[in-house]
Amino acid sequence: MVNLETLVRDQLDDARASAHGRSAHLFVHDGPLRQTVIALLAGIALDEHNTPPAASLQVLRGRVRLTGPGGGEQELTAGHLAPVPHARHGLRAIEDSVALLTVVTEVSERAPGVRARTPIHG
């Protein structure tokens, strides 16, 4: 079991101690699923980079700007969850911030006629 509040606090402390003003910790690595807590100090950016097949970003603390194709940007604050663009993108912290990045590194094509699983609602 992982305590996200502890990860948030630890990664912010690590980012503040880092010469680069950022820190990341991969805490779930299960087949194609990855979950990483990323801390960025205000003004620090992750330069534009390629995207995996599927990803989302949930801001746990602070405020960030997610940049996408064609100069598009989206400002996210604590509590916001957004899909990561399916194109080159970047991330900049507007204030000291921590985000949960969830990534699927590979997807398999479904065979024709195979139905997707129906989500269970409780």
PDB file of N, CA and C in Angstrom:
ATOM      1  N   MET A   1       0.850  -1.173   0.000  1.00  0.00           N
ATOM      2  CA  MET A   1       0.000   0.000   0.000  1.00  0.00           C
ATOM      3  C   MET A   1       0.899   1.241   0.000  1.00  0.00           C
ATOM      4  N   VAL A   2       0.467   2.249  -0.737  1.00  0.00           N
ATOM      5  CA  VAL A   2       1.224   3.491  -0.867  1.00  0.00           C
ATOM      6  C   VAL A   2       0.409   4.633  -0.280  1.00  0.00           C
ATOM      7  N   ASN A   3       1.060   5.486   0.489  1.00  0.00           N
ATOM      8  CA  ASN A   3       0.413   6.677   1.017  1.00  0.00           C
ATOM      9  C   ASN A   3       0.808   7.849   0.122  1.00  0.00           C
ATOM     10  N   LEU A   4      -0.148   8.350  -0.680  1.00  0.00           N
ATOM     11  CA  LEU A   4       0.157   9.436  -1.624  1.00  0.00           C
ATOM     12  C   LEU A   4       0.600  10.706  -0.912  1.00  0.00           C
ATOM     13  N   GLU A   5       0.030  11.013   0.246  1.00  0.00           N
ATOM     14  CA  GLU A   5       0.435  12.224   0.964  1.00  0.00           C
ATOM     15  C   GLU A   5       1.913  12.157   1.353  1.00  0.00           C
ATOM     16  N   THR A   6       2.365  10.978   1.770  1.00  0.00           N
ATOM     17  CA  THR A   6       3.777  10.806   2.112  1.00  0.00           C
ATOM     18  C   THR A   6       4.646  10.971   0.865  1.00  0.00           C
ATOM     19  N   LEU A   7       4.220  10.367  -0.262  1.00  0.00           N
ATOM     20  CA  LEU A   7       4.973  10.525  -1.512  1.00  0.00           C
ATOM     21  C   LEU A   7       5.036  11.987  -1.942  1.00  0.00           C
ATOM     22  N   VAL A   8       3.932  12.697  -1.829  1.00  0.00           N
ATOM     23  CA  VAL A   8       3.894  14.120  -2.190  1.00  0.00           C
ATOM     24  C   VAL A   8       4.919  14.887  -1.366  1.00  0.00           C
ATOM     25  N   ARG A   9       4.867  14.696  -0.075  1.00  0.00           N
ATOM     26  CA  ARG A   9       5.784  15.409   0.828  1.00  0.00           C
ATOM     27  C   ARG A   9       7.248  15.055   0.518  1.00  0.00           C
ATOM     28  N   ASP A  10       7.532  13.755   0.369  1.00  0.00           N
ATOM     29  CA  ASP A  10       8.904  13.321   0.104  1.00  0.00           C
ATOM     30  C   ASP A  10       9.422  13.844  -1.233  1.00  0.00           C
ATOM     31  N   GLN A  11       8.586  13.800  -2.271  1.00  0.00           N
ATOM     32  CA  GLN A  11       9.046  14.246  -3.587  1.00  0.00           C
ATOM     33  C   GLN A  11       9.245  15.755  -3.627  1.00  0.00           C
ATOM     34  N   LEU A  12       8.400  16.509  -2.939  1.00  0.00           N
ATOM     35  CA  LEU A  12       8.623  17.961  -2.853  1.00  0.00           C
ATOM     36  C   LEU A  12       9.936  18.254  -2.122  1.00  0.00           C
ATOM     37  N   ASP A  13      10.189  17.533  -1.027  1.00  0.00           N
ATOM     38  CA  ASP A  13      11.459  17.721  -0.304  1.00  0.00           C
ATOM     39  C   ASP A  13      12.641  17.390  -1.212  1.00  0.00           C
ATOM     40  N   ASP A  14      12.538  16.290  -1.970  1.00  0.00           N
ATOM     41  CA  ASP A  14      13.617  15.908  -2.886  1.00  0.00           C
ATOM     42  C   ASP A  14      13.811  16.945  -3.989  1.00  0.00           C
ATOM     43  N   ALA A  15      12.712  17.490  -4.520  1.00  0.00           N
ATOM     44  CA  ALA A  15      12.809  18.517  -5.570  1.00  0.00           C
ATOM     45  C   ALA A  15      13.488  19.769  -5.020  1.00  0.00           C
ATOM     46  N   ARG A  16      13.151  20.138  -3.787  1.00  0.00           N
ATOM     47  CA  ARG A  16      13.764  21.329  -3.178  1.00  0.00           C
ATOM     48  C   ARG A  16      15.256  21.122  -2.925  1.00  0.00           C
ATOM     49  N   ALA A  17      15.654  19.875  -2.692  1.00  0.00           N
ATOM     50  CA  ALA A  17      17.070  19.565  -2.460  1.00  0.00           C
ATOM     51  C   ALA A  17      17.838  19.356  -3.765  1.00  0.00           C
ATOM     52  N   SER A  18      17.126  19.210  -4.875  1.00  0.00           N
ATOM     53  CA  SER A  18      17.755  18.945  -6.167  1.00  0.00           C
ATOM     54  C   SER A  18      18.196  20.230  -6.852  1.00  0.00           C
ATOM     55  N   ALA A  19      19.343  20.175  -7.494  1.00  0.00           N
ATOM     56  CA  ALA A  19      19.832  21.328  -8.261  1.00  0.00           C
ATOM     57  C   ALA A  19      18.930  21.617  -9.451  1.00  0.00           C
ATOM     58  N   HIS A  20      18.159  20.624  -9.886  1.00  0.00           N
ATOM     59  CA  HIS A  20      17.291  20.783 -11.054  1.00  0.00           C
ATOM     60  C   HIS A  20      15.857  21.169 -10.692  1.00  0.00           C
ATOM     61  N   GLY A  21      15.523  21.178  -9.403  1.00  0.00           N
ATOM     62  CA  GLY A  21      14.196  21.604  -8.972  1.00  0.00           C
ATOM     63  C   GLY A  21      13.083  20.629  -9.311  1.00  0.00           C
ATOM     64  N   ARG A  22      13.439  19.352  -9.453  1.00  0.00           N
ATOM     65  CA  ARG A  22      12.413  18.358  -9.756  1.00  0.00           C
ATOM     66  C   ARG A  22      12.807  17.006  -9.177  1.00  0.00           C
ATOM     67  N   SER A  23      11.804  16.161  -9.036  1.00  0.00           N
ATOM     68  CA  SER A  23      12.023  14.824  -8.511  1.00  0.00           C
ATOM     69  C   SER A  23      10.884  13.935  -8.989  1.00  0.00           C
ATOM     70  N   ALA A  24      11.162  12.651  -9.155  1.00  0.00           N
ATOM     71  CA  ALA A  24      10.120  11.709  -9.574  1.00  0.00           C
ATOM     72  C   ALA A  24      10.366  10.369  -8.911  1.00  0.00           C
ATOM     73  N   HIS A  25       9.275   9.670  -8.632  1.00  0.00           N
ATOM     74  CA  HIS A  25       9.366   8.342  -8.035  1.00  0.00           C
ATOM     75  C   HIS A  25       8.336   7.429  -8.684  1.00  0.00           C
ATOM     76  N   LEU A  26       8.816   6.389  -9.369  1.00  0.00           N
ATOM     77  CA  LEU A  26       7.967   5.365  -9.962  1.00  0.00           C
ATOM     78  C   LEU A  26       7.594   4.403  -8.843  1.00  0.00           C
ATOM     79  N   PHE A  27       6.298   4.288  -8.528  1.00  0.00           N
ATOM     80  CA  PHE A  27       5.911   3.429  -7.424  1.00  0.00           C
ATOM     81  C   PHE A  27       5.002   2.273  -7.839  1.00  0.00           C
ATOM     82  N   VAL A  28       4.495   2.296  -9.070  1.00  0.00           N
ATOM     83  CA  VAL A  28       3.758   1.153  -9.603  1.00  0.00           C
ATOM     84  C   VAL A  28       4.378   0.795 -10.945  1.00  0.00           C
ATOM     85  N   HIS A  29       4.773  -0.477 -11.071  1.00  0.00           N
ATOM     86  CA  HIS A  29       5.309  -0.997 -12.322  1.00  0.00           C
ATOM     87  C   HIS A  29       4.717  -2.389 -12.461  1.00  0.00           C
ATOM     88  N   ASP A  30       3.574  -2.448 -13.146  1.00  0.00           N
ATOM     89  CA  ASP A  30       2.813  -3.690 -13.251  1.00  0.00           C
ATOM     90  C   ASP A  30       2.486  -3.936 -14.715  1.00  0.00           C
ATOM     91  N   GLY A  31       3.262  -4.795 -15.367  1.00  0.00           N
ATOM     92  CA  GLY A  31       3.057  -5.015 -16.801  1.00  0.00           C
ATOM     93  C   GLY A  31       3.209  -3.691 -17.529  1.00  0.00           C
ATOM     94  N   PRO A  32       2.211  -3.306 -18.341  1.00  0.00           N
ATOM     95  CA  PRO A  32       2.318  -2.053 -19.083  1.00  0.00           C
ATOM     96  C   PRO A  32       1.898  -0.810 -18.270  1.00  0.00           C
ATOM     97  N   LEU A  33       1.471  -1.013 -17.026  1.00  0.00           N
ATOM     98  CA  LEU A  33       1.008   0.101 -16.192  1.00  0.00           C
ATOM     99  C   LEU A  33       2.150   0.682 -15.379  1.00  0.00           C
ATOM    100  N   ARG A  34       2.280   2.007 -15.424  1.00  0.00           N
ATOM    101  CA  ARG A  34       3.270   2.728 -14.622  1.00  0.00           C
ATOM    102  C   ARG A  34       2.570   3.887 -13.923  1.00  0.00           C
ATOM    103  N   GLN A  35       2.892   4.097 -12.653  1.00  0.00           N
ATOM    104  CA  GLN A  35       2.425   5.281 -11.943  1.00  0.00           C
ATOM    105  C   GLN A  35       3.616   5.931 -11.266  1.00  0.00           C
ATOM    106  N   THR A  36       3.752   7.222 -11.515  1.00  0.00           N
ATOM    107  CA  THR A  36       4.891   7.985 -11.032  1.00  0.00           C
ATOM    108  C   THR A  36       4.405   9.273 -10.398  1.00  0.00           C
ATOM    109  N   VAL A  37       4.961   9.604  -9.246  1.00  0.00           N
ATOM    110  CA  VAL A  37       4.711  10.908  -8.631  1.00  0.00           C
ATOM    111  C   VAL A  37       5.848  11.818  -9.063  1.00  0.00           C
ATOM    112  N   ILE A  38       5.492  12.976  -9.629  1.00  0.00           N
ATOM    113  CA  ILE A  38       6.468  13.941 -10.140  1.00  0.00           C
ATOM    114  C   ILE A  38       6.307  15.251  -9.373  1.00  0.00           C
ATOM    115  N   ALA A  39       7.398  15.765  -8.835  1.00  0.00           N
ATOM    116  CA  ALA A  39       7.392  17.065  -8.156  1.00  0.00           C
ATOM    117  C   ALA A  39       8.223  18.044  -8.969  1.00  0.00           C
ATOM    118  N   LEU A  40       7.664  19.224  -9.187  1.00  0.00           N
ATOM    119  CA  LEU A  40       8.365  20.304  -9.895  1.00  0.00           C
ATOM    120  C   LEU A  40       8.229  21.577  -9.077  1.00  0.00           C
ATOM    121  N   LEU A  41       9.328  22.286  -8.896  1.00  0.00           N
ATOM    122  CA  LEU A  41       9.250  23.579  -8.222  1.00  0.00           C
ATOM    123  C   LEU A  41       8.748  24.634  -9.198  1.00  0.00           C
ATOM    124  N   ALA A  42       8.214  25.720  -8.677  1.00  0.00           N
ATOM    125  CA  ALA A  42       7.672  26.798  -9.500  1.00  0.00           C
ATOM    126  C   ALA A  42       8.668  27.212 -10.570  1.00  0.00           C
ATOM    127  N   GLY A  43       8.195  27.285 -11.829  1.00  0.00           N
ATOM    128  CA  GLY A  43       9.024  27.713 -12.944  1.00  0.00           C
ATOM    129  C   GLY A  43       9.799  26.596 -13.622  1.00  0.00           C
ATOM    130  N   ILE A  44       9.841  25.423 -13.022  1.00  0.00           N
ATOM    131  CA  ILE A  44      10.576  24.294 -13.595  1.00  0.00           C
ATOM    132  C   ILE A  44       9.679  23.581 -14.614  1.00  0.00           C
ATOM    133  N   ALA A  45      10.288  23.135 -15.715  1.00  0.00           N
ATOM    134  CA  ALA A  45       9.516  22.486 -16.777  1.00  0.00           C
ATOM    135  C   ALA A  45      10.130  21.158 -17.172  1.00  0.00           C
ATOM    136  N   LEU A  46       9.271  20.288 -17.649  1.00  0.00           N
ATOM    137  CA  LEU A  46       9.702  19.098 -18.372  1.00  0.00           C
ATOM    138  C   LEU A  46       9.531  19.468 -19.833  1.00  0.00           C
ATOM    139  N   ASP A  47      10.630  19.542 -20.558  1.00  0.00           N
ATOM    140  CA  ASP A  47      10.570  19.951 -21.952  1.00  0.00           C
ATOM    141  C   ASP A  47       9.682  19.014 -22.765  1.00  0.00           C
ATOM    142  N   GLU A  48       9.294  19.497 -23.912  1.00  0.00           N
ATOM    143  CA  GLU A  48       8.431  18.729 -24.801  1.00  0.00           C
ATOM    144  C   GLU A  48       9.010  17.341 -25.050  1.00  0.00           C
ATOM    145  N   HIS A  49       8.148  16.340 -24.966  1.00  0.00           N
ATOM    146  CA  HIS A  49       8.574  14.957 -25.157  1.00  0.00           C
ATOM    147  C   HIS A  49       7.426  14.153 -25.757  1.00  0.00           C
ATOM    148  N   ASN A  50       7.731  12.958 -26.260  1.00  0.00           N
ATOM    149  CA  ASN A  50       6.712  12.098 -26.869  1.00  0.00           C
ATOM    150  C   ASN A  50       5.820  11.490 -25.806  1.00  0.00           C
ATOM    151  N   THR A  51       4.664  11.055 -26.241  1.00  0.00           N
ATOM    152  CA  THR A  51       3.693  10.480 -25.326  1.00  0.00           C
ATOM    153  C   THR A  51       3.609   8.966 -25.485  1.00  0.00           C
ATOM    154  N   PRO A  52       3.311   8.262 -24.407  1.00  0.00           N
ATOM    155  CA  PRO A  52       3.062   6.827 -24.520  1.00  0.00           C
ATOM    156  C   PRO A  52       1.673   6.600 -25.127  1.00  0.00           C
ATOM    157  N   PRO A  53       1.294   5.340 -25.368  1.00  0.00           N
ATOM    158  CA  PRO A  53      -0.023   5.073 -25.970  1.00  0.00           C
ATOM    159  C   PRO A  53      -1.201   5.648 -25.182  1.00  0.00           C
ATOM    160  N   ALA A  54      -1.103   5.665 -23.860  1.00  0.00           N
ATOM    161  CA  ALA A  54      -2.191   6.216 -23.040  1.00  0.00           C
ATOM    162  C   ALA A  54      -1.611   6.735 -21.738  1.00  0.00           C
ATOM    163  N   ALA A  55      -2.078   7.908 -21.296  1.00  0.00           N
ATOM    164  CA  ALA A  55      -1.579   8.484 -20.047  1.00  0.00           C
ATOM    165  C   ALA A  55      -2.552   9.522 -19.520  1.00  0.00           C
ATOM    166  N   SER A  56      -2.519   9.699 -18.201  1.00  0.00           N
ATOM    167  CA  SER A  56      -3.282  10.773 -17.574  1.00  0.00           C
ATOM    168  C   SER A  56      -2.400  11.441 -16.527  1.00  0.00           C
ATOM    169  N   LEU A  57      -2.749  12.672 -16.197  1.00  0.00           N
ATOM    170  CA  LEU A  57      -2.020  13.450 -15.212  1.00  0.00           C
ATOM    171  C   LEU A  57      -3.022  13.977 -14.197  1.00  0.00           C
ATOM    172  N   GLN A  58      -2.800  13.670 -12.924  1.00  0.00           N
ATOM    173  CA  GLN A  58      -3.651  14.176 -11.848  1.00  0.00           C
ATOM    174  C   GLN A  58      -2.796  15.057 -10.957  1.00  0.00           C
ATOM    175  N   VAL A  59      -3.195  16.296 -10.802  1.00  0.00           N
ATOM    176  CA  VAL A  59      -2.444  17.220  -9.955  1.00  0.00           C
ATOM    177  C   VAL A  59      -2.852  16.976  -8.500  1.00  0.00           C
ATOM    178  N   LEU A  60      -1.860  16.659  -7.686  1.00  0.00           N
ATOM    179  CA  LEU A  60      -2.103  16.377  -6.273  1.00  0.00           C
ATOM    180  C   LEU A  60      -1.893  17.613  -5.414  1.00  0.00           C
ATOM    181  N   ARG A  61      -0.990  18.492  -5.856  1.00  0.00           N
ATOM    182  CA  ARG A  61      -0.719  19.736  -5.134  1.00  0.00           C
ATOM    183  C   ARG A  61      -0.188  20.757  -6.112  1.00  0.00           C
ATOM    184  N   GLY A  62      -0.609  22.008  -5.955  1.00  0.00           N
ATOM    185  CA  GLY A  62      -0.074  23.085  -6.774  1.00  0.00           C
ATOM    186  C   GLY A  62      -0.847  23.347  -8.048  1.00  0.00           C
ATOM    187  N   ARG A  63      -0.126  23.918  -9.021  1.00  0.00           N
ATOM    188  CA  ARG A  63      -0.718  24.333 -10.295  1.00  0.00           C
ATOM    189  C   ARG A  63       0.316  24.156 -11.387  1.00  0.00           C
ATOM    190  N   VAL A  64      -0.102  23.498 -12.496  1.00  0.00           N
ATOM    191  CA  VAL A  64       0.802  23.224 -13.609  1.00  0.00           C
ATOM    192  C   VAL A  64       0.154  23.634 -14.925  1.00  0.00           C
ATOM    193  N   ARG A  65       0.988  23.739 -15.955  1.00  0.00           N
ATOM    194  CA  ARG A  65       0.511  24.008 -17.311  1.00  0.00           C
ATOM    195  C   ARG A  65       0.973  22.860 -18.192  1.00  0.00           C
ATOM    196  N   LEU A  66       0.012  22.152 -18.768  1.00  0.00           N
ATOM    197  CA  LEU A  66       0.273  21.046 -19.687  1.00  0.00           C
ATOM    198  C   LEU A  66       0.188  21.615 -21.091  1.00  0.00           C
ATOM    199  N   THR A  67       1.290  21.534 -21.837  1.00  0.00           N
ATOM    200  CA  THR A  67       1.310  22.085 -23.193  1.00  0.00           C
ATOM    201  C   THR A  67       1.149  20.954 -24.192  1.00  0.00           C
ATOM    202  N   GLY A  68       0.492  21.272 -25.287  1.00  0.00           N
ATOM    203  CA  GLY A  68       0.235  20.261 -26.304  1.00  0.00           C
ATOM    204  C   GLY A  68       0.561  20.755 -27.692  1.00  0.00           C
ATOM    205  N   PRO A  69       0.086  20.020 -28.681  1.00  0.00           N
ATOM    206  CA  PRO A  69       0.383  20.351 -30.078  1.00  0.00           C
ATOM    207  C   PRO A  69      -0.215  21.698 -30.478  1.00  0.00           C
ATOM    208  N   GLY A  70       0.479  22.365 -31.376  1.00  0.00           N
ATOM    209  CA  GLY A  70      -0.023  23.629 -31.910  1.00  0.00           C
ATOM    210  C   GLY A  70      -0.049  24.757 -30.905  1.00  0.00           C
ATOM    211  N   GLY A  71       0.742  24.658 -29.848  1.00  0.00           N
ATOM    212  CA  GLY A  71       0.791  25.727 -28.857  1.00  0.00           C
ATOM    213  C   GLY A  71      -0.349  25.695 -27.863  1.00  0.00           C
ATOM    214  N   GLY A  72      -1.195  24.662 -27.915  1.00  0.00           N
ATOM    215  CA  GLY A  72      -2.291  24.567 -26.959  1.00  0.00           C
ATOM    216  C   GLY A  72      -1.770  24.306 -25.561  1.00  0.00           C
ATOM    217  N   GLU A  73      -2.464  24.843 -24.567  1.00  0.00           N
ATOM    218  CA  GLU A  73      -2.083  24.603 -23.188  1.00  0.00           C
ATOM    219  C   GLU A  73      -3.315  24.476 -22.328  1.00  0.00           C
ATOM    220  N   GLN A  74      -3.123  23.796 -21.221  1.00  0.00           N
ATOM    221  CA  GLN A  74      -4.208  23.561 -20.284  1.00  0.00           C
ATOM    222  C   GLN A  74      -3.645  23.761 -18.886  1.00  0.00           C
ATOM    223  N   GLU A  75      -4.267  24.631 -18.100  1.00  0.00           N
ATOM    224  CA  GLU A  75      -3.818  24.843 -16.734  1.00  0.00           C
ATOM    225  C   GLU A  75      -4.604  23.912 -15.820  1.00  0.00           C
ATOM    226  N   LEU A  76      -3.869  23.210 -14.967  1.00  0.00           N
ATOM    227  CA  LEU A  76      -4.472  22.247 -14.047  1.00  0.00           C
ATOM    228  C   LEU A  76      -4.075  22.599 -12.621  1.00  0.00           C
ATOM    229  N   THR A  77      -5.018  22.498 -11.702  1.00  0.00           N
ATOM    230  CA  THR A  77      -4.743  22.745 -10.292  1.00  0.00           C
ATOM    231  C   THR A  77      -5.050  21.483  -9.497  1.00  0.00           C
ATOM    232  N   ALA A  78      -4.684  21.499  -8.223  1.00  0.00           N
ATOM    233  CA  ALA A  78      -4.882  20.334  -7.362  1.00  0.00           C
ATOM    234  C   ALA A  78      -6.306  19.814  -7.495  1.00  0.00           C
ATOM    235  N   GLY A  79      -6.421  18.511  -7.721  1.00  0.00           N
ATOM    236  CA  GLY A  79      -7.721  17.874  -7.893  1.00  0.00           C
ATOM    237  C   GLY A  79      -8.091  17.636  -9.340  1.00  0.00           C
ATOM    238  N   HIS A  80      -7.446  18.335 -10.273  1.00  0.00           N
ATOM    239  CA  HIS A  80      -7.737  18.143 -11.692  1.00  0.00           C
ATOM    240  C   HIS A  80      -7.059  16.881 -12.223  1.00  0.00           C
ATOM    241  N   LEU A  81      -7.764  16.213 -13.119  1.00  0.00           N
ATOM    242  CA  LEU A  81      -7.259  15.027 -13.807  1.00  0.00           C
ATOM    243  C   LEU A  81      -7.491  15.240 -15.290  1.00  0.00           C
ATOM    244  N   ALA A  82      -6.448  15.039 -16.092  1.00  0.00           N
ATOM    245  CA  ALA A  82      -6.570  15.273 -17.534  1.00  0.00           C
ATOM    246  C   ALA A  82      -5.817  14.203 -18.306  1.00  0.00           C
ATOM    247  N   PRO A  83      -6.327  13.848 -19.484  1.00  0.00           N
ATOM    248  CA  PRO A  83      -5.551  12.952 -20.340  1.00  0.00           C
ATOM    249  C   PRO A  83      -4.331  13.699 -20.873  1.00  0.00           C
ATOM    250  N   VAL A  84      -3.254  12.969 -21.072  1.00  0.00           N
ATOM    251  CA  VAL A  84      -2.049  13.549 -21.660  1.00  0.00           C
ATOM    252  C   VAL A  84      -2.236  13.530 -23.173  1.00  0.00           C
ATOM    253  N   PRO A  85      -1.926  14.622 -23.867  1.00  0.00           N
ATOM    254  CA  PRO A  85      -2.121  14.672 -25.323  1.00  0.00           C
ATOM    255  C   PRO A  85      -1.395  13.540 -26.045  1.00  0.00           C
ATOM    256  N   HIS A  86      -2.011  13.054 -27.119  1.00  0.00           N
ATOM    257  CA  HIS A  86      -1.413  11.997 -27.942  1.00  0.00           C
ATOM    258  C   HIS A  86      -0.464  12.607 -28.972  1.00  0.00           C
ATOM    259  N   ALA A  87       0.382  13.491 -28.526  1.00  0.00           N
ATOM    260  CA  ALA A  87       1.372  14.166 -29.368  1.00  0.00           C
ATOM    261  C   ALA A  87       2.438  14.702 -28.425  1.00  0.00           C
ATOM    262  N   ARG A  88       3.481  15.268 -28.995  1.00  0.00           N
ATOM    263  CA  ARG A  88       4.522  15.849 -28.144  1.00  0.00           C
ATOM    264  C   ARG A  88       3.884  16.866 -27.205  1.00  0.00           C
ATOM    265  N   HIS A  89       4.356  16.869 -25.971  1.00  0.00           N
ATOM    266  CA  HIS A  89       3.778  17.741 -24.956  1.00  0.00           C
ATOM    267  C   HIS A  89       4.840  18.066 -23.911  1.00  0.00           C
ATOM    268  N   GLY A  90       4.548  19.050 -23.083  1.00  0.00           N
ATOM    269  CA  GLY A  90       5.447  19.445 -22.008  1.00  0.00           C
ATOM    270  C   GLY A  90       4.651  19.766 -20.758  1.00  0.00           C
ATOM    271  N   LEU A  91       5.357  20.003 -19.670  1.00  0.00           N
ATOM    272  CA  LEU A  91       4.712  20.314 -18.393  1.00  0.00           C
ATOM    273  C   LEU A  91       5.549  21.360 -17.684  1.00  0.00           C
ATOM    274  N   ARG A  92       4.896  22.414 -17.185  1.00  0.00           N
ATOM    275  CA  ARG A  92       5.583  23.473 -16.438  1.00  0.00           C
ATOM    276  C   ARG A  92       4.826  23.733 -15.143  1.00  0.00           C
ATOM    277  N   ALA A  93       5.584  23.837 -14.048  1.00  0.00           N
ATOM    278  CA  ALA A  93       4.978  24.161 -12.751  1.00  0.00           C
ATOM    279  C   ALA A  93       4.811  25.671 -12.638  1.00  0.00           C
ATOM    280  N   ILE A  94       3.605  26.092 -12.357  1.00  0.00           N
ATOM    281  CA  ILE A  94       3.326  27.512 -12.134  1.00  0.00           C
ATOM    282  C   ILE A  94       3.657  27.854 -10.675  1.00  0.00           C
ATOM    283  N   GLU A  95       3.436  26.899  -9.799  1.00  0.00           N
ATOM    284  CA  GLU A  95       3.846  26.997  -8.399  1.00  0.00           C
ATOM    285  C   GLU A  95       4.398  25.626  -8.009  1.00  0.00           C
ATOM    286  N   ASP A  96       5.025  25.508  -6.853  1.00  0.00           N
ATOM    287  CA  ASP A  96       5.529  24.197  -6.434  1.00  0.00           C
ATOM    288  C   ASP A  96       4.380  23.195  -6.551  1.00  0.00           C
ATOM    289  N   SER A  97       4.630  22.112  -7.272  1.00  0.00           N
ATOM    290  CA  SER A  97       3.545  21.198  -7.634  1.00  0.00           C
ATOM    291  C   SER A  97       3.982  19.741  -7.587  1.00  0.00           C
ATOM    292  N   VAL A  98       2.983  18.885  -7.387  1.00  0.00           N
ATOM    293  CA  VAL A  98       3.188  17.442  -7.448  1.00  0.00           C
ATOM    294  C   VAL A  98       2.032  16.857  -8.240  1.00  0.00           C
ATOM    295  N   ALA A  99       2.365  15.946  -9.159  1.00  0.00           N
ATOM    296  CA  ALA A  99       1.342  15.321  -9.996  1.00  0.00           C
ATOM    297  C   ALA A  99       1.558  13.814 -10.033  1.00  0.00           C
ATOM    298  N   LEU A 100       0.464  13.109 -10.232  1.00  0.00           N
ATOM    299  CA  LEU A 100       0.488  11.662 -10.403  1.00  0.00           C
ATOM    300  C   LEU A 100       0.336  11.380 -11.892  1.00  0.00           C
ATOM    301  N   LEU A 101       1.367  10.797 -12.478  1.00  0.00           N
ATOM    302  CA  LEU A 101       1.347  10.423 -13.885  1.00  0.00           C
ATOM    303  C   LEU A 101       1.041   8.933 -13.977  1.00  0.00           C
ATOM    304  N   THR A 102      -0.038   8.600 -14.671  1.00  0.00           N
ATOM    305  CA  THR A 102      -0.408   7.207 -14.905  1.00  0.00           C
ATOM    306  C   THR A 102      -0.219   6.938 -16.386  1.00  0.00           C
ATOM    307  N   VAL A 103       0.567   5.901 -16.703  1.00  0.00           N
ATOM    308  CA  VAL A 103       0.942   5.609 -18.081  1.00  0.00           C
ATOM    309  C   VAL A 103       0.680   4.147 -18.394  1.00  0.00           C
ATOM    310  N   VAL A 104       0.166   3.903 -19.592  1.00  0.00           N
ATOM    311  CA  VAL A 104       0.095   2.560 -20.149  1.00  0.00           C
ATOM    312  C   VAL A 104       1.098   2.552 -21.291  1.00  0.00           C
ATOM    313  N   THR A 105       2.107   1.689 -21.182  1.00  0.00           N
ATOM    314  CA  THR A 105       3.214   1.716 -22.135  1.00  0.00           C
ATOM    315  C   THR A 105       2.948   0.945 -23.411  1.00  0.00           C
ATOM    316  N   GLU A 106       1.945   0.084 -23.398  1.00  0.00           N
ATOM    317  CA  GLU A 106       1.602  -0.654 -24.609  1.00  0.00           C
ATOM    318  C   GLU A 106       0.128  -1.007 -24.571  1.00  0.00           C
ATOM    319  N   VAL A 107      -0.456  -1.073 -25.744  1.00  0.00           N
ATOM    320  CA  VAL A 107      -1.849  -1.508 -25.864  1.00  0.00           C
ATOM    321  C   VAL A 107      -1.897  -2.561 -26.956  1.00  0.00           C
ATOM    322  N   SER A 108      -2.730  -3.547 -26.743  1.00  0.00           N
ATOM    323  CA  SER A 108      -2.879  -4.568 -27.775  1.00  0.00           C
ATOM    324  C   SER A 108      -4.184  -4.316 -28.499  1.00  0.00           C
ATOM    325  N   GLU A 109      -4.180  -4.611 -29.767  1.00  0.00           N
ATOM    326  CA  GLU A 109      -5.389  -4.454 -30.571  1.00  0.00           C
ATOM    327  C   GLU A 109      -6.350  -5.573 -30.212  1.00  0.00           C
ATOM    328  N   ARG A 110      -7.627  -5.229 -30.074  1.00  0.00           N
ATOM    329  CA  ARG A 110      -8.644  -6.235 -29.821  1.00  0.00           C
ATOM    330  C   ARG A 110      -8.976  -6.950 -31.107  1.00  0.00           C
ATOM    331  N   ALA A 111      -9.168  -8.221 -31.002  1.00  0.00           N
ATOM    332  CA  ALA A 111      -9.572  -9.004 -32.168  1.00  0.00           C
ATOM    333  C   ALA A 111     -10.972  -8.584 -32.581  1.00  0.00           C
ATOM    334  N   PRO A 112     -11.267  -8.608 -33.880  1.00  0.00           N
ATOM    335  CA  PRO A 112     -12.614  -8.240 -34.340  1.00  0.00           C
ATOM    336  C   PRO A 112     -13.658  -9.093 -33.636  1.00  0.00           C
ATOM    337  N   GLY A 113     -14.737  -8.458 -33.222  1.00  0.00           N
ATOM    338  CA  GLY A 113     -15.832  -9.164 -32.582  1.00  0.00           C
ATOM    339  C   GLY A 113     -15.667  -9.348 -31.082  1.00  0.00           C
ATOM    340  N   VAL A 114     -14.511  -8.996 -30.521  1.00  0.00           N
ATOM    341  CA  VAL A 114     -14.313  -9.135 -29.082  1.00  0.00           C
ATOM    342  C   VAL A 114     -14.822  -7.861 -28.415  1.00  0.00           C
ATOM    343  N   ARG A 115     -15.700  -8.040 -27.458  1.00  0.00           N
ATOM    344  CA  ARG A 115     -16.293  -6.898 -26.762  1.00  0.00           C
ATOM    345  C   ARG A 115     -15.389  -6.409 -25.655  1.00  0.00           C
ATOM    346  N   ALA A 116     -15.414  -5.127 -25.432  1.00  0.00           N
ATOM    347  CA  ALA A 116     -14.668  -4.553 -24.310  1.00  0.00           C
ATOM    348  C   ALA A 116     -15.359  -4.951 -23.014  1.00  0.00           C
ATOM    349  N   ARG A 117     -14.590  -5.019 -21.949  1.00  0.00           N
ATOM    350  CA  ARG A 117     -15.173  -5.320 -20.655  1.00  0.00           C
ATOM    351  C   ARG A 117     -16.100  -4.199 -20.231  1.00  0.00           C
ATOM    352  N   THR A 118     -17.162  -4.563 -19.580  1.00  0.00           N
ATOM    353  CA  THR A 118     -18.095  -3.574 -19.037  1.00  0.00           C
ATOM    354  C   THR A 118     -17.622  -3.211 -17.646  1.00  0.00           C
ATOM    355  N   PRO A 119     -17.472  -1.905 -17.349  1.00  0.00           N
ATOM    356  CA  PRO A 119     -17.015  -1.530 -16.019  1.00  0.00           C
ATOM    357  C   PRO A 119     -18.038  -1.931 -14.951  1.00  0.00           C
ATOM    358  N   ILE A 120     -17.541  -2.268 -13.787  1.00  0.00           N
ATOM    359  CA  ILE A 120     -18.417  -2.621 -12.667  1.00  0.00           C
ATOM    360  C   ILE A 120     -18.683  -1.347 -11.881  1.00  0.00           C
ATOM    361  N   HIS A 121     -19.944  -1.071 -11.662  1.00  0.00           N
ATOM    362  CA  HIS A 121     -20.344   0.117 -10.891  1.00  0.00           C
ATOM    363  C   HIS A 121     -20.893  -0.367  -9.565  1.00  0.00           C
ATOM    364  N   GLY A 122     -20.411   0.228  -8.489  1.00  0.00           N
ATOM    365  CA  GLY A 122     -20.851  -0.250  -7.172  1.00  0.00           C
ATOM    366  C   GLY A 122     -21.483   0.747  -6.391  1.00  0.00           C
TER     367      GLY A 122
END
